[in-house]
Amino acid sequence: MKRIIKAGDEVVVIAGNSRGNRGKVIQVQPRENRIIVEGINKRKHHEKKTQDSPEGAIVERENPIHLSNVMLSSRYDEKAGAKNK
């Protein structure tokens, strides 16, 4: 199947808790059919103690979402325009 969405594209989430939100694609994981979108599906991760952060840390990061739950923003806008006519 041909991949339409690439890193750097702007997408709109069409399903799930973040429905209607827009974001830029940070990373594409083609084997898992998942992408990471900036600002979407954030979760807290606990990091171990290191020399950089001797006390450890709790960091919010974006988790991957399935490709079927997003659409390119240009296609989304075209469909919205067609509905309004």
PDB file of N, CA and C in Angstrom:
ATOM      1  N   MET A   1       0.837  -1.180   0.000  1.00  0.00           N
ATOM      2  CA  MET A   1       0.000   0.000   0.000  1.00  0.00           C
ATOM      3  C   MET A   1       0.880   1.240   0.000  1.00  0.00           C
ATOM      4  N   LYS A   2       0.557   2.196  -0.818  1.00  0.00           N
ATOM      5  CA  LYS A   2       1.360   3.403  -0.947  1.00  0.00           C
ATOM      6  C   LYS A   2       1.130   4.322   0.245  1.00  0.00           C
ATOM      7  N   ARG A   3       2.197   4.861   0.782  1.00  0.00           N
ATOM      8  CA  ARG A   3       2.111   5.777   1.917  1.00  0.00           C
ATOM      9  C   ARG A   3       1.940   7.194   1.404  1.00  0.00           C
ATOM     10  N   ILE A   4       0.901   7.856   1.870  1.00  0.00           N
ATOM     11  CA  ILE A   4       0.646   9.229   1.460  1.00  0.00           C
ATOM     12  C   ILE A   4       1.247  10.199   2.455  1.00  0.00           C
ATOM     13  N   ILE A   5       1.207   9.850   3.738  1.00  0.00           N
ATOM     14  CA  ILE A   5       1.655  10.743   4.798  1.00  0.00           C
ATOM     15  C   ILE A   5       3.146  10.566   5.036  1.00  0.00           C
ATOM     16  N   LYS A   6       3.853  11.701   5.067  1.00  0.00           N
ATOM     17  CA  LYS A   6       5.304  11.699   5.288  1.00  0.00           C
ATOM     18  C   LYS A   6       5.630  12.605   6.462  1.00  0.00           C
ATOM     19  N   ALA A   7       6.840  12.485   6.983  1.00  0.00           N
ATOM     20  CA  ALA A   7       7.285  13.352   8.074  1.00  0.00           C
ATOM     21  C   ALA A   7       7.287  14.800   7.583  1.00  0.00           C
ATOM     22  N   GLY A   8       6.770  15.700   8.418  1.00  0.00           N
ATOM     23  CA  GLY A   8       6.698  17.106   8.068  1.00  0.00           C
ATOM     24  C   GLY A   8       5.341  17.548   7.545  1.00  0.00           C
ATOM     25  N   ASP A   9       4.477  16.590   7.159  1.00  0.00           N
ATOM     26  CA  ASP A   9       3.138  16.925   6.674  1.00  0.00           C
ATOM     27  C   ASP A   9       2.240  17.363   7.829  1.00  0.00           C
ATOM     28  N   GLU A  10       1.244  18.183   7.510  1.00  0.00           N
ATOM     29  CA  GLU A  10       0.246  18.564   8.509  1.00  0.00           C
ATOM     30  C   GLU A  10      -0.955  17.642   8.356  1.00  0.00           C
ATOM     31  N   VAL A  11      -1.400  17.070   9.482  1.00  0.00           N
ATOM     32  CA  VAL A  11      -2.518  16.139   9.461  1.00  0.00           C
ATOM     33  C   VAL A  11      -3.589  16.575  10.449  1.00  0.00           C
ATOM     34  N   VAL A  12      -4.795  16.018  10.259  1.00  0.00           N
ATOM     35  CA  VAL A  12      -5.923  16.243  11.160  1.00  0.00           C
ATOM     36  C   VAL A  12      -6.328  14.886  11.719  1.00  0.00           C
ATOM     37  N   VAL A  13      -6.539  14.815  13.018  1.00  0.00           N
ATOM     38  CA  VAL A  13      -6.988  13.576  13.649  1.00  0.00           C
ATOM     39  C   VAL A  13      -8.486  13.447  13.404  1.00  0.00           C
ATOM     40  N   ILE A  14      -8.910  12.310  12.847  1.00  0.00           N
ATOM     41  CA  ILE A  14     -10.318  12.129  12.496  1.00  0.00           C
ATOM     42  C   ILE A  14     -11.023  11.130  13.404  1.00  0.00           C
ATOM     43  N   ALA A  15     -10.301  10.496  14.344  1.00  0.00           N
ATOM     44  CA  ALA A  15     -10.913   9.542  15.262  1.00  0.00           C
ATOM     45  C   ALA A  15     -10.160   9.553  16.582  1.00  0.00           C
ATOM     46  N   GLY A  16     -10.881   9.297  17.663  1.00  0.00           N
ATOM     47  CA  GLY A  16     -10.258   9.204  18.975  1.00  0.00           C
ATOM     48  C   GLY A  16     -10.482  10.447  19.807  1.00  0.00           C
ATOM     49  N   ASN A  17      -9.775  10.524  20.930  1.00  0.00           N
ATOM     50  CA  ASN A  17      -9.947  11.622  21.877  1.00  0.00           C
ATOM     51  C   ASN A  17      -9.520  12.968  21.307  1.00  0.00           C
ATOM     52  N   SER A  18      -8.586  12.978  20.396  1.00  0.00           N
ATOM     53  CA  SER A  18      -8.058  14.229  19.838  1.00  0.00           C
ATOM     54  C   SER A  18      -8.708  14.580  18.512  1.00  0.00           C
ATOM     55  N   ARG A  19      -9.912  14.101  18.249  1.00  0.00           N
ATOM     56  CA  ARG A  19     -10.587  14.327  16.977  1.00  0.00           C
ATOM     57  C   ARG A  19     -10.702  15.819  16.682  1.00  0.00           C
ATOM     58  N   GLY A  20     -10.317  16.205  15.454  1.00  0.00           N
ATOM     59  CA  GLY A  20     -10.406  17.594  15.025  1.00  0.00           C
ATOM     60  C   GLY A  20      -9.133  18.389  15.235  1.00  0.00           C
ATOM     61  N   ASN A  21      -8.184  17.858  16.001  1.00  0.00           N
ATOM     62  CA  ASN A  21      -6.926  18.576  16.244  1.00  0.00           C
ATOM     63  C   ASN A  21      -5.967  18.396  15.077  1.00  0.00           C
ATOM     64  N   ARG A  22      -5.182  19.430  14.838  1.00  0.00           N
ATOM     65  CA  ARG A  22      -4.184  19.404  13.761  1.00  0.00           C
ATOM     66  C   ARG A  22      -2.791  19.356  14.357  1.00  0.00           C
ATOM     67  N   GLY A  23      -1.862  18.772  13.613  1.00  0.00           N
ATOM     68  CA  GLY A  23      -0.481  18.722  14.066  1.00  0.00           C
ATOM     69  C   GLY A  23       0.440  18.311  12.943  1.00  0.00           C
ATOM     70  N   LYS A  24       1.728  18.504  13.180  1.00  0.00           N
ATOM     71  CA  LYS A  24       2.758  18.178  12.205  1.00  0.00           C
ATOM     72  C   LYS A  24       3.305  16.786  12.508  1.00  0.00           C
ATOM     73  N   VAL A  25       3.521  15.984  11.471  1.00  0.00           N
ATOM     74  CA  VAL A  25       4.032  14.624  11.638  1.00  0.00           C
ATOM     75  C   VAL A  25       5.517  14.694  11.980  1.00  0.00           C
ATOM     76  N   ILE A  26       5.872  14.091  13.110  1.00  0.00           N
ATOM     77  CA  ILE A  26       7.267  14.069  13.541  1.00  0.00           C
ATOM     78  C   ILE A  26       7.983  12.849  12.977  1.00  0.00           C
ATOM     79  N   GLN A  27       7.309  11.692  13.047  1.00  0.00           N
ATOM     80  CA  GLN A  27       7.943  10.443  12.639  1.00  0.00           C
ATOM     81  C   GLN A  27       6.891   9.504  12.071  1.00  0.00           C
ATOM     82  N   VAL A  28       7.290   8.705  11.069  1.00  0.00           N
ATOM     83  CA  VAL A  28       6.421   7.690  10.484  1.00  0.00           C
ATOM     84  C   VAL A  28       7.031   6.326  10.772  1.00  0.00           C
ATOM     85  N   GLN A  29       6.212   5.395  11.260  1.00  0.00           N
ATOM     86  CA  GLN A  29       6.647   4.028  11.539  1.00  0.00           C
ATOM     87  C   GLN A  29       5.894   3.089  10.601  1.00  0.00           C
ATOM     88  N   PRO A  30       6.418   2.868   9.386  1.00  0.00           N
ATOM     89  CA  PRO A  30       5.660   2.143   8.364  1.00  0.00           C
ATOM     90  C   PRO A  30       5.373   0.681   8.708  1.00  0.00           C
ATOM     91  N   ARG A  31       6.248   0.009   9.413  1.00  0.00           N
ATOM     92  CA  ARG A  31       6.003  -1.406   9.733  1.00  0.00           C
ATOM     93  C   ARG A  31       4.837  -1.587  10.691  1.00  0.00           C
ATOM     94  N   GLU A  32       4.666  -0.631  11.587  1.00  0.00           N
ATOM     95  CA  GLU A  32       3.565  -0.709  12.548  1.00  0.00           C
ATOM     96  C   GLU A  32       2.325   0.047  12.080  1.00  0.00           C
ATOM     97  N   ASN A  33       2.402   0.726  10.924  1.00  0.00           N
ATOM     98  CA  ASN A  33       1.316   1.568  10.408  1.00  0.00           C
ATOM     99  C   ASN A  33       0.932   2.644  11.405  1.00  0.00           C
ATOM    100  N   ARG A  34       1.922   3.277  12.008  1.00  0.00           N
ATOM    101  CA  ARG A  34       1.680   4.296  13.019  1.00  0.00           C
ATOM    102  C   ARG A  34       2.512   5.538  12.719  1.00  0.00           C
ATOM    103  N   ILE A  35       2.038   6.680  13.242  1.00  0.00           N
ATOM    104  CA  ILE A  35       2.789   7.923  13.113  1.00  0.00           C
ATOM    105  C   ILE A  35       2.787   8.642  14.454  1.00  0.00           C
ATOM    106  N   ILE A  36       3.767   9.525  14.626  1.00  0.00           N
ATOM    107  CA  ILE A  36       3.834  10.374  15.803  1.00  0.00           C
ATOM    108  C   ILE A  36       3.548  11.790  15.347  1.00  0.00           C
ATOM    109  N   VAL A  37       2.525  12.404  15.955  1.00  0.00           N
ATOM    110  CA  VAL A  37       2.087  13.744  15.583  1.00  0.00           C
ATOM    111  C   VAL A  37       2.385  14.689  16.734  1.00  0.00           C
ATOM    112  N   GLU A  38       2.929  15.855  16.404  1.00  0.00           N
ATOM    113  CA  GLU A  38       3.314  16.853  17.390  1.00  0.00           C
ATOM    114  C   GLU A  38       2.095  17.335  18.183  1.00  0.00           C
ATOM    115  N   GLY A  39       2.155  17.176  19.515  1.00  0.00           N
ATOM    116  CA  GLY A  39       1.103  17.667  20.390  1.00  0.00           C
ATOM    117  C   GLY A  39      -0.116  16.765  20.521  1.00  0.00           C
ATOM    118  N   ILE A  40      -0.116  15.604  19.877  1.00  0.00           N
ATOM    119  CA  ILE A  40      -1.265  14.697  19.908  1.00  0.00           C
ATOM    120  C   ILE A  40      -0.882  13.420  20.657  1.00  0.00           C
ATOM    121  N   ASN A  41      -1.806  12.892  21.467  1.00  0.00           N
ATOM    122  CA  ASN A  41      -1.635  11.632  22.199  1.00  0.00           C
ATOM    123  C   ASN A  41      -0.429  11.681  23.141  1.00  0.00           C
ATOM    124  N   LYS A  42      -0.357  12.707  23.972  1.00  0.00           N
ATOM    125  CA  LYS A  42       0.751  12.840  24.921  1.00  0.00           C
ATOM    126  C   LYS A  42       0.531  11.944  26.122  1.00  0.00           C
ATOM    127  N   ARG A  43       1.598  11.303  26.572  1.00  0.00           N
ATOM    128  CA  ARG A  43       1.593  10.444  27.750  1.00  0.00           C
ATOM    129  C   ARG A  43       2.815  10.770  28.603  1.00  0.00           C
ATOM    130  N   LYS A  44       2.713  10.483  29.891  1.00  0.00           N
ATOM    131  CA  LYS A  44       3.832  10.723  30.801  1.00  0.00           C
ATOM    132  C   LYS A  44       4.723   9.493  30.854  1.00  0.00           C
ATOM    133  N   HIS A  45       6.034   9.707  30.750  1.00  0.00           N
ATOM    134  CA  HIS A  45       7.024   8.643  30.825  1.00  0.00           C
ATOM    135  C   HIS A  45       7.977   8.930  31.974  1.00  0.00           C
ATOM    136  N   HIS A  46       8.273   7.907  32.746  1.00  0.00           N
ATOM    137  CA  HIS A  46       9.215   8.041  33.855  1.00  0.00           C
ATOM    138  C   HIS A  46      10.603   7.687  33.354  1.00  0.00           C
ATOM    139  N   GLU A  47      11.546   8.604  33.535  1.00  0.00           N
ATOM    140  CA  GLU A  47      12.917   8.375  33.085  1.00  0.00           C
ATOM    141  C   GLU A  47      13.796   8.006  34.261  1.00  0.00           C
ATOM    142  N   LYS A  48      14.755   7.119  34.008  1.00  0.00           N
ATOM    143  CA  LYS A  48      15.683   6.698  35.040  1.00  0.00           C
ATOM    144  C   LYS A  48      16.647   7.809  35.404  1.00  0.00           C
ATOM    145  N   LYS A  49      17.321   7.619  36.519  1.00  0.00           N
ATOM    146  CA  LYS A  49      18.351   8.572  36.924  1.00  0.00           C
ATOM    147  C   LYS A  49      19.555   8.440  35.992  1.00  0.00           C
ATOM    148  N   THR A  50      20.088   9.573  35.557  1.00  0.00           N
ATOM    149  CA  THR A  50      21.283   9.603  34.730  1.00  0.00           C
ATOM    150  C   THR A  50      22.184  10.723  35.231  1.00  0.00           C
ATOM    151  N   GLN A  51      23.332  10.879  34.602  1.00  0.00           N
ATOM    152  CA  GLN A  51      24.218  11.976  34.975  1.00  0.00           C
ATOM    153  C   GLN A  51      23.589  13.323  34.623  1.00  0.00           C
ATOM    154  N   ASP A  52      22.842  13.360  33.543  1.00  0.00           N
ATOM    155  CA  ASP A  52      22.186  14.610  33.141  1.00  0.00           C
ATOM    156  C   ASP A  52      21.066  14.995  34.104  1.00  0.00           C
ATOM    157  N   SER A  53      20.279  14.013  34.525  1.00  0.00           N
ATOM    158  CA  SER A  53      19.207  14.278  35.489  1.00  0.00           C
ATOM    159  C   SER A  53      19.357  13.304  36.661  1.00  0.00           C
ATOM    160  N   PRO A  54      20.128  13.700  37.683  1.00  0.00           N
ATOM    161  CA  PRO A  54      20.446  12.778  38.773  1.00  0.00           C
ATOM    162  C   PRO A  54      19.238  12.346  39.599  1.00  0.00           C
ATOM    163  N   GLU A  55      18.130  13.064  39.534  1.00  0.00           N
ATOM    164  CA  GLU A  55      16.954  12.673  40.300  1.00  0.00           C
ATOM    165  C   GLU A  55      15.925  11.941  39.445  1.00  0.00           C
ATOM    166  N   GLY A  56      16.197  11.756  38.162  1.00  0.00           N
ATOM    167  CA  GLY A  56      15.222  11.172  37.264  1.00  0.00           C
ATOM    168  C   GLY A  56      14.206  12.235  36.878  1.00  0.00           C
ATOM    169  N   ALA A  57      13.209  11.862  36.111  1.00  0.00           N
ATOM    170  CA  ALA A  57      12.229  12.858  35.675  1.00  0.00           C
ATOM    171  C   ALA A  57      10.966  12.168  35.178  1.00  0.00           C
ATOM    172  N   ILE A  58       9.885  12.925  35.167  1.00  0.00           N
ATOM    173  CA  ILE A  58       8.639  12.506  34.535  1.00  0.00           C
ATOM    174  C   ILE A  58       8.436  13.455  33.358  1.00  0.00           C
ATOM    175  N   VAL A  59       8.462  12.894  32.153  1.00  0.00           N
ATOM    176  CA  VAL A  59       8.440  13.690  30.930  1.00  0.00           C
ATOM    177  C   VAL A  59       7.196  13.345  30.121  1.00  0.00           C
ATOM    178  N   GLU A  60       6.563  14.366  29.525  1.00  0.00           N
ATOM    179  CA  GLU A  60       5.449  14.118  28.616  1.00  0.00           C
ATOM    180  C   GLU A  60       5.977  13.980  27.201  1.00  0.00           C
ATOM    181  N   ARG A  61       5.584  12.888  26.538  1.00  0.00           N
ATOM    182  CA  ARG A  61       6.002  12.634  25.158  1.00  0.00           C
ATOM    183  C   ARG A  61       4.799  12.242  24.327  1.00  0.00           C
ATOM    184  N   GLU A  62       4.919  12.443  23.021  1.00  0.00           N
ATOM    185  CA  GLU A  62       3.875  12.007  22.104  1.00  0.00           C
ATOM    186  C   GLU A  62       4.014  10.514  21.858  1.00  0.00           C
ATOM    187  N   ASN A  63       2.908   9.800  21.890  1.00  0.00           N
ATOM    188  CA  ASN A  63       2.881   8.386  21.561  1.00  0.00           C
ATOM    189  C   ASN A  63       2.340   8.222  20.149  1.00  0.00           C
ATOM    190  N   PRO A  64       2.694   7.116  19.490  1.00  0.00           N
ATOM    191  CA  PRO A  64       2.214   6.910  18.124  1.00  0.00           C
ATOM    192  C   PRO A  64       0.708   6.657  18.068  1.00  0.00           C
ATOM    193  N   ILE A  65       0.093   7.059  16.955  1.00  0.00           N
ATOM    194  CA  ILE A  65      -1.306   6.748  16.683  1.00  0.00           C
ATOM    195  C   ILE A  65      -1.386   6.055  15.326  1.00  0.00           C
ATOM    196  N   HIS A  66      -2.459   5.325  15.103  1.00  0.00           N
ATOM    197  CA  HIS A  66      -2.590   4.551  13.874  1.00  0.00           C
ATOM    198  C   HIS A  66      -2.855   5.468  12.683  1.00  0.00           C
ATOM    199  N   LEU A  67      -2.324   5.075  11.536  1.00  0.00           N
ATOM    200  CA  LEU A  67      -2.480   5.863  10.303  1.00  0.00           C
ATOM    201  C   LEU A  67      -3.944   6.064   9.916  1.00  0.00           C
ATOM    202  N   SER A  68      -4.787   5.111  10.237  1.00  0.00           N
ATOM    203  CA  SER A  68      -6.194   5.215   9.842  1.00  0.00           C
ATOM    204  C   SER A  68      -6.935   6.296  10.626  1.00  0.00           C
ATOM    205  N   ASN A  69      -6.343   6.793  11.701  1.00  0.00           N
ATOM    206  CA  ASN A  69      -6.997   7.804  12.529  1.00  0.00           C
ATOM    207  C   ASN A  69      -6.635   9.227  12.135  1.00  0.00           C
ATOM    208  N   VAL A  70      -5.855   9.399  11.074  1.00  0.00           N
ATOM    209  CA  VAL A  70      -5.471  10.741  10.632  1.00  0.00           C
ATOM    210  C   VAL A  70      -5.718  10.899   9.137  1.00  0.00           C
ATOM    211  N   MET A  71      -5.789  12.168   8.712  1.00  0.00           N
ATOM    212  CA  MET A  71      -5.978  12.497   7.299  1.00  0.00           C
ATOM    213  C   MET A  71      -5.155  13.745   7.010  1.00  0.00           C
ATOM    214  N   LEU A  72      -4.599  13.815   5.817  1.00  0.00           N
ATOM    215  CA  LEU A  72      -3.877  15.025   5.431  1.00  0.00           C
ATOM    216  C   LEU A  72      -4.805  16.226   5.539  1.00  0.00           C
ATOM    217  N   SER A  73      -4.278  17.339   6.046  1.00  0.00           N
ATOM    218  CA  SER A  73      -5.126  18.509   6.272  1.00  0.00           C
ATOM    219  C   SER A  73      -5.686  19.058   4.961  1.00  0.00           C
ATOM    220  N   SER A  74      -4.940  18.941   3.870  1.00  0.00           N
ATOM    221  CA  SER A  74      -5.443  19.438   2.584  1.00  0.00           C
ATOM    222  C   SER A  74      -6.673  18.651   2.135  1.00  0.00           C
ATOM    223  N   ARG A  75      -6.637  17.316   2.283  1.00  0.00           N
ATOM    224  CA  ARG A  75      -7.800  16.491   1.927  1.00  0.00           C
ATOM    225  C   ARG A  75      -8.967  16.763   2.856  1.00  0.00           C
ATOM    226  N   TYR A  76      -8.679  16.970   4.126  1.00  0.00           N
ATOM    227  CA  TYR A  76      -9.722  17.253   5.120  1.00  0.00           C
ATOM    228  C   TYR A  76     -10.443  18.557   4.778  1.00  0.00           C
ATOM    229  N   ASP A  77      -9.654  19.585   4.407  1.00  0.00           N
ATOM    230  CA  ASP A  77     -10.239  20.881   4.053  1.00  0.00           C
ATOM    231  C   ASP A  77     -11.074  20.787   2.780  1.00  0.00           C
ATOM    232  N   GLU A  78     -10.623  19.971   1.803  1.00  0.00           N
ATOM    233  CA  GLU A  78     -11.392  19.789   0.578  1.00  0.00           C
ATOM    234  C   GLU A  78     -12.747  19.144   0.883  1.00  0.00           C
ATOM    235  N   LYS A  79     -12.756  18.127   1.746  1.00  0.00           N
ATOM    236  CA  LYS A  79     -14.009  17.455   2.082  1.00  0.00           C
ATOM    237  C   LYS A  79     -14.931  18.387   2.855  1.00  0.00           C
ATOM    238  N   ALA A  80     -14.380  19.201   3.745  1.00  0.00           N
ATOM    239  CA  ALA A  80     -15.197  20.155   4.499  1.00  0.00           C
ATOM    240  C   ALA A  80     -15.784  21.200   3.564  1.00  0.00           C
ATOM    241  N   GLY A  81     -15.016  21.632   2.562  1.00  0.00           N
ATOM    242  CA  GLY A  81     -15.505  22.598   1.588  1.00  0.00           C
ATOM    243  C   GLY A  81     -16.602  22.022   0.733  1.00  0.00           C
ATOM    244  N   ALA A  82     -16.489  20.743   0.389  1.00  0.00           N
ATOM    245  CA  ALA A  82     -17.516  20.104  -0.430  1.00  0.00           C
ATOM    246  C   ALA A  82     -18.824  19.943   0.343  1.00  0.00           C
ATOM    247  N   LYS A  83     -18.755  19.744   1.656  1.00  0.00           N
ATOM    248  CA  LYS A  83     -19.960  19.597   2.468  1.00  0.00           C
ATOM    249  C   LYS A  83     -20.703  20.925   2.596  1.00  0.00           C
ATOM    250  N   ASN A  84     -19.951  22.032   2.627  1.00  0.00           N
ATOM    251  CA  ASN A  84     -20.564  23.347   2.816  1.00  0.00           C
ATOM    252  C   ASN A  84     -21.255  23.869   1.561  1.00  0.00           C
ATOM    253  N   LYS A  85     -20.955  23.297   0.386  1.00  0.00           N
ATOM    254  CA  LYS A  85     -21.540  23.790  -0.866  1.00  0.00           C
ATOM    255  C   LYS A  85     -22.937  23.305  -1.061  1.00  0.00           C
TER     256      LYS A  85
END
